[in-house]
Amino acid sequence: MITLNSSRFSLNRTLSRSALVGTIASIGLIFGIVPGLSEHSHSLVFGSAAHAEDVTDTEVTEYARSVLQIEPYRQDAYAKIKRIIGSGNVPNIACSQPDSLSTLPDDAQAAAVAYCEQSNSIVQKNGLTISRFNAITIKVQSDPDLKNRVQDQLRSLQ
């Protein structure tokens, strides 16, 4: 049963938003673009400083599969938000930072939350937790070998 209890809604929105951060960064890094839902402002802040030590081959596959499945939803959410905002720039949106959504119109907030929820679901269906997904994303930024492993897996899955 869905309720509109404000504290429960706020918690759900906050949890949903955490998926967006890792997803956007992963897609951007893997495809060689700067991550973010903003066309002109290209910074991202991760909600936690999780650290990924050893990333197994299974996790690389789960991660790459998640990235590929999430990308169409990211593009759709960005387009919806841009359409709602109109001529203005899409601001950086971080699921783990409620303030990043607070300036958006309600329709745009709903699109971002829906994206976060979908991303979260995809990551979990592929066998990773959001914190592990984010940790791998951070590690990909600084570990060229891991980045190559992920890119190789992406190519094999496509």
C-alpha atoms as a PDB file:
ATOM      1  CA  MET A   1       0.000   0.000   0.000  1.00  0.00           C
ATOM      2  CA  ILE A   2       1.364   3.401  -0.986  1.00  0.00           C
ATOM      3  CA  THR A   3       0.928   6.181   1.508  1.00  0.00           C
ATOM      4  CA  LEU A   4       1.810   9.831   1.246  1.00  0.00           C
ATOM      5  CA  ASN A   5       3.229  10.042   4.731  1.00  0.00           C
ATOM      6  CA  SER A   6       5.787  12.825   4.326  1.00  0.00           C
ATOM      7  CA  SER A   7       8.586  11.183   6.316  1.00  0.00           C
ATOM      8  CA  ARG A   8       8.130   7.878   4.514  1.00  0.00           C
ATOM      9  CA  PHE A   9       7.954   9.632   1.141  1.00  0.00           C
ATOM     10  CA  SER A  10      11.094  11.608   1.990  1.00  0.00           C
ATOM     11  CA  LEU A  11      12.945   8.424   2.973  1.00  0.00           C
ATOM     12  CA  ASN A  12      11.855   6.666  -0.217  1.00  0.00           C
ATOM     13  CA  ARG A  13      12.932   9.645  -2.304  1.00  0.00           C
ATOM     14  CA  THR A  14      16.298   9.768  -0.550  1.00  0.00           C
ATOM     15  CA  LEU A  15      16.910   6.054  -1.030  1.00  0.00           C
ATOM     16  CA  SER A  16      15.846   6.218  -4.650  1.00  0.00           C
ATOM     17  CA  ARG A  17      18.158   9.077  -5.363  1.00  0.00           C
ATOM     18  CA  SER A  18      21.252   7.120  -4.292  1.00  0.00           C
ATOM     19  CA  ALA A  19      21.022   4.916  -7.367  1.00  0.00           C
ATOM     20  CA  LEU A  20      21.239   7.866  -9.718  1.00  0.00           C
ATOM     21  CA  VAL A  21      24.701   8.936  -8.601  1.00  0.00           C
ATOM     22  CA  GLY A  22      26.460   5.670  -9.337  1.00  0.00           C
ATOM     23  CA  THR A  23      24.557   5.073 -12.511  1.00  0.00           C
ATOM     24  CA  ILE A  24      25.301   8.391 -14.119  1.00  0.00           C
ATOM     25  CA  ALA A  25      28.957   8.257 -13.175  1.00  0.00           C
ATOM     26  CA  SER A  26      29.347   4.706 -14.436  1.00  0.00           C
ATOM     27  CA  ILE A  27      27.763   5.367 -17.764  1.00  0.00           C
ATOM     28  CA  GLY A  28      29.779   8.516 -18.250  1.00  0.00           C
ATOM     29  CA  LEU A  29      33.061   6.917 -17.366  1.00  0.00           C
ATOM     30  CA  ILE A  30      32.520   3.793 -19.377  1.00  0.00           C
ATOM     31  CA  PHE A  31      31.360   5.584 -22.498  1.00  0.00           C
ATOM     32  CA  GLY A  32      33.990   8.315 -22.198  1.00  0.00           C
ATOM     33  CA  ILE A  33      31.709  11.219 -21.282  1.00  0.00           C
ATOM     34  CA  VAL A  34      31.527  13.287 -18.149  1.00  0.00           C
ATOM     35  CA  PRO A  35      28.787  11.876 -15.902  1.00  0.00           C
ATOM     36  CA  GLY A  36      25.769  13.871 -14.906  1.00  0.00           C
ATOM     37  CA  LEU A  37      22.223  14.708 -15.817  1.00  0.00           C
ATOM     38  CA  SER A  38      23.277  18.237 -16.533  1.00  0.00           C
ATOM     39  CA  GLU A  39      24.250  19.222 -20.016  1.00  0.00           C
ATOM     40  CA  HIS A  40      26.482  22.116 -18.950  1.00  0.00           C
ATOM     41  CA  SER A  41      27.479  21.407 -15.370  1.00  0.00           C
ATOM     42  CA  HIS A  42      29.466  18.202 -15.171  1.00  0.00           C
ATOM     43  CA  SER A  43      30.107  17.436 -11.534  1.00  0.00           C
ATOM     44  CA  LEU A  44      28.874  14.558  -9.439  1.00  0.00           C
ATOM     45  CA  VAL A  45      29.054  13.976  -5.732  1.00  0.00           C
ATOM     46  CA  PHE A  46      28.891  10.447  -4.431  1.00  0.00           C
ATOM     47  CA  GLY A  47      26.750   9.861  -1.374  1.00  0.00           C
ATOM     48  CA  SER A  48      29.228   7.570   0.286  1.00  0.00           C
ATOM     49  CA  ALA A  49      32.916   6.903   0.091  1.00  0.00           C
ATOM     50  CA  ALA A  50      32.552   3.164  -0.274  1.00  0.00           C
ATOM     51  CA  HIS A  51      35.752   1.456  -1.310  1.00  0.00           C
ATOM     52  CA  ALA A  52      35.914  -1.448  -3.733  1.00  0.00           C
ATOM     53  CA  GLU A  53      38.939  -3.606  -3.186  1.00  0.00           C
ATOM     54  CA  ASP A  54      38.817  -6.694  -5.335  1.00  0.00           C
ATOM     55  CA  VAL A  55      36.154  -6.713  -8.002  1.00  0.00           C
ATOM     56  CA  THR A  56      35.356 -10.242  -9.110  1.00  0.00           C
ATOM     57  CA  ASP A  57      34.638 -11.253 -12.702  1.00  0.00           C
ATOM     58  CA  THR A  58      31.034 -11.900 -11.675  1.00  0.00           C
ATOM     59  CA  GLU A  59      30.731  -8.372 -10.273  1.00  0.00           C
ATOM     60  CA  VAL A  60      32.213  -6.914 -13.458  1.00  0.00           C
ATOM     61  CA  THR A  61      29.540  -8.748 -15.459  1.00  0.00           C
ATOM     62  CA  GLU A  62      26.760  -7.644 -13.078  1.00  0.00           C
ATOM     63  CA  TYR A  63      28.042  -4.076 -13.181  1.00  0.00           C
ATOM     64  CA  ALA A  64      28.337  -3.937 -16.982  1.00  0.00           C
ATOM     65  CA  ARG A  65      24.908  -5.510 -17.437  1.00  0.00           C
ATOM     66  CA  SER A  66      23.422  -2.918 -15.070  1.00  0.00           C
ATOM     67  CA  VAL A  67      25.076  -0.031 -16.890  1.00  0.00           C
ATOM     68  CA  LEU A  68      23.751  -1.201 -20.260  1.00  0.00           C
ATOM     69  CA  GLN A  69      20.222  -1.693 -18.956  1.00  0.00           C
ATOM     70  CA  ILE A  70      20.136   1.649 -17.134  1.00  0.00           C
ATOM     71  CA  GLU A  71      21.394   3.830 -19.990  1.00  0.00           C
ATOM     72  CA  PRO A  72      18.078   4.102 -21.910  1.00  0.00           C
ATOM     73  CA  TYR A  73      16.308   5.130 -18.691  1.00  0.00           C
ATOM     74  CA  ARG A  74      18.978   7.754 -18.005  1.00  0.00           C
ATOM     75  CA  GLN A  75      18.579   9.228 -21.473  1.00  0.00           C
ATOM     76  CA  ASP A  76      14.805   9.253 -21.130  1.00  0.00           C
ATOM     77  CA  ALA A  77      14.909  10.908 -17.691  1.00  0.00           C
ATOM     78  CA  TYR A  78      17.323  13.562 -18.914  1.00  0.00           C
ATOM     79  CA  ALA A  79      15.101  14.310 -21.934  1.00  0.00           C
ATOM     80  CA  LYS A  80      11.961  14.526 -19.769  1.00  0.00           C
ATOM     81  CA  ILE A  81      13.613  16.821 -17.247  1.00  0.00           C
ATOM     82  CA  LYS A  82      15.037  19.024 -19.988  1.00  0.00           C
ATOM     83  CA  ARG A  83      11.604  19.226 -21.649  1.00  0.00           C
ATOM     84  CA  ILE A  84       9.951  20.174 -18.338  1.00  0.00           C
ATOM     85  CA  ILE A  85      12.551  22.792 -17.466  1.00  0.00           C
ATOM     86  CA  GLY A  86      12.463  24.238 -20.957  1.00  0.00           C
ATOM     87  CA  SER A  87      15.261  26.523 -22.012  1.00  0.00           C
ATOM     88  CA  GLY A  88      17.106  26.298 -18.704  1.00  0.00           C
ATOM     89  CA  ASN A  89      19.989  23.970 -17.988  1.00  0.00           C
ATOM     90  CA  VAL A  90      19.340  20.672 -16.273  1.00  0.00           C
ATOM     91  CA  PRO A  91      21.075  20.915 -12.900  1.00  0.00           C
ATOM     92  CA  ASN A  92      23.220  18.167 -11.450  1.00  0.00           C
ATOM     93  CA  ILE A  93      20.984  15.574  -9.863  1.00  0.00           C
ATOM     94  CA  ALA A  94      22.246  13.261  -7.155  1.00  0.00           C
ATOM     95  CA  CYS A  95      19.825  10.739  -5.687  1.00  0.00           C
ATOM     96  CA  SER A  96      21.711  10.749  -2.410  1.00  0.00           C
ATOM     97  CA  GLN A  97      21.383  14.532  -2.096  1.00  0.00           C
ATOM     98  CA  PRO A  98      17.777  15.653  -1.613  1.00  0.00           C
ATOM     99  CA  ASP A  99      18.769  19.274  -2.208  1.00  0.00           C
ATOM    100  CA  SER A 100      19.762  18.438  -5.786  1.00  0.00           C
ATOM    101  CA  LEU A 101      16.097  17.819  -6.573  1.00  0.00           C
ATOM    102  CA  SER A 102      14.578  20.569  -4.485  1.00  0.00           C
ATOM    103  CA  THR A 103      14.954  23.231  -7.165  1.00  0.00           C
ATOM    104  CA  LEU A 104      13.266  21.120  -9.837  1.00  0.00           C
ATOM    105  CA  PRO A 105       9.583  21.470 -10.680  1.00  0.00           C
ATOM    106  CA  ASP A 106       7.421  18.661  -9.285  1.00  0.00           C
ATOM    107  CA  ASP A 107       7.135  16.927 -12.680  1.00  0.00           C
ATOM    108  CA  ALA A 108      10.920  16.927 -13.085  1.00  0.00           C
ATOM    109  CA  GLN A 109      11.378  15.650  -9.532  1.00  0.00           C
ATOM    110  CA  ALA A 110       8.993  12.807 -10.319  1.00  0.00           C
ATOM    111  CA  ALA A 111      10.979  11.914 -13.459  1.00  0.00           C
ATOM    112  CA  ALA A 112      14.241  11.888 -11.495  1.00  0.00           C
ATOM    113  CA  VAL A 113      12.783   9.793  -8.668  1.00  0.00           C
ATOM    114  CA  ALA A 114      11.309   7.320 -11.164  1.00  0.00           C
ATOM    115  CA  TYR A 115      14.720   7.033 -12.803  1.00  0.00           C
ATOM    116  CA  CYS A 116      16.405   6.467  -9.444  1.00  0.00           C
ATOM    117  CA  GLU A 117      13.911   3.765  -8.528  1.00  0.00           C
ATOM    118  CA  GLN A 118      14.296   2.025 -11.902  1.00  0.00           C
ATOM    119  CA  SER A 119      18.087   2.156 -11.681  1.00  0.00           C
ATOM    120  CA  ASN A 120      18.039   0.800  -8.152  1.00  0.00           C
ATOM    121  CA  SER A 121      15.824  -2.076  -9.249  1.00  0.00           C
ATOM    122  CA  ILE A 122      18.039  -2.907 -12.230  1.00  0.00           C
ATOM    123  CA  VAL A 123      21.217  -2.911 -10.152  1.00  0.00           C
ATOM    124  CA  GLN A 124      19.655  -5.192  -7.537  1.00  0.00           C
ATOM    125  CA  LYS A 125      18.172  -7.550 -10.151  1.00  0.00           C
ATOM    126  CA  ASN A 126      21.652  -7.916 -11.586  1.00  0.00           C
ATOM    127  CA  GLY A 127      23.013  -9.046  -8.225  1.00  0.00           C
ATOM    128  CA  LEU A 128      24.653  -5.920  -6.827  1.00  0.00           C
ATOM    129  CA  THR A 129      23.748  -3.638  -3.955  1.00  0.00           C
ATOM    130  CA  ILE A 130      23.674   0.083  -4.630  1.00  0.00           C
ATOM    131  CA  SER A 131      26.623   0.605  -2.301  1.00  0.00           C
ATOM    132  CA  ARG A 132      28.652  -2.042  -4.160  1.00  0.00           C
ATOM    133  CA  PHE A 133      27.665  -0.560  -7.530  1.00  0.00           C
ATOM    134  CA  ASN A 134      28.803   2.880  -6.328  1.00  0.00           C
ATOM    135  CA  ALA A 135      32.024   1.435  -4.910  1.00  0.00           C
ATOM    136  CA  ILE A 136      32.848  -0.197  -8.237  1.00  0.00           C
ATOM    137  CA  THR A 137      32.049   3.066 -10.010  1.00  0.00           C
ATOM    138  CA  ILE A 138      34.544   4.905  -7.818  1.00  0.00           C
ATOM    139  CA  LYS A 139      37.164   2.215  -8.370  1.00  0.00           C
ATOM    140  CA  VAL A 140      36.683   2.357 -12.169  1.00  0.00           C
ATOM    141  CA  GLN A 141      37.717   6.027 -12.036  1.00  0.00           C
ATOM    142  CA  SER A 142      41.113   5.261 -10.571  1.00  0.00           C
ATOM    143  CA  ASP A 143      41.879   1.741 -11.784  1.00  0.00           C
ATOM    144  CA  PRO A 144      42.628   1.500 -15.521  1.00  0.00           C
ATOM    145  CA  ASP A 145      42.710  -2.311 -15.379  1.00  0.00           C
ATOM    146  CA  LEU A 146      39.219  -2.445 -13.885  1.00  0.00           C
ATOM    147  CA  LYS A 147      37.991   0.117 -16.410  1.00  0.00           C
ATOM    148  CA  ASN A 148      39.332  -2.097 -19.222  1.00  0.00           C
ATOM    149  CA  ARG A 149      37.679  -5.178 -17.721  1.00  0.00           C
ATOM    150  CA  VAL A 150      34.348  -3.368 -17.560  1.00  0.00           C
ATOM    151  CA  GLN A 151      34.694  -2.036 -21.119  1.00  0.00           C
ATOM    152  CA  ASP A 152      35.565  -5.517 -22.390  1.00  0.00           C
ATOM    153  CA  GLN A 153      32.495  -6.926 -20.651  1.00  0.00           C
ATOM    154  CA  LEU A 154      30.313  -4.166 -22.079  1.00  0.00           C
ATOM    155  CA  ARG A 155      31.494  -5.040 -25.583  1.00  0.00           C
ATOM    156  CA  SER A 156      30.789  -8.734 -25.061  1.00  0.00           C
ATOM    157  CA  LEU A 157      27.283  -8.040 -23.731  1.00  0.00           C
ATOM    158  CA  GLN A 158      26.299  -5.742 -26.572  1.00  0.00           C
END
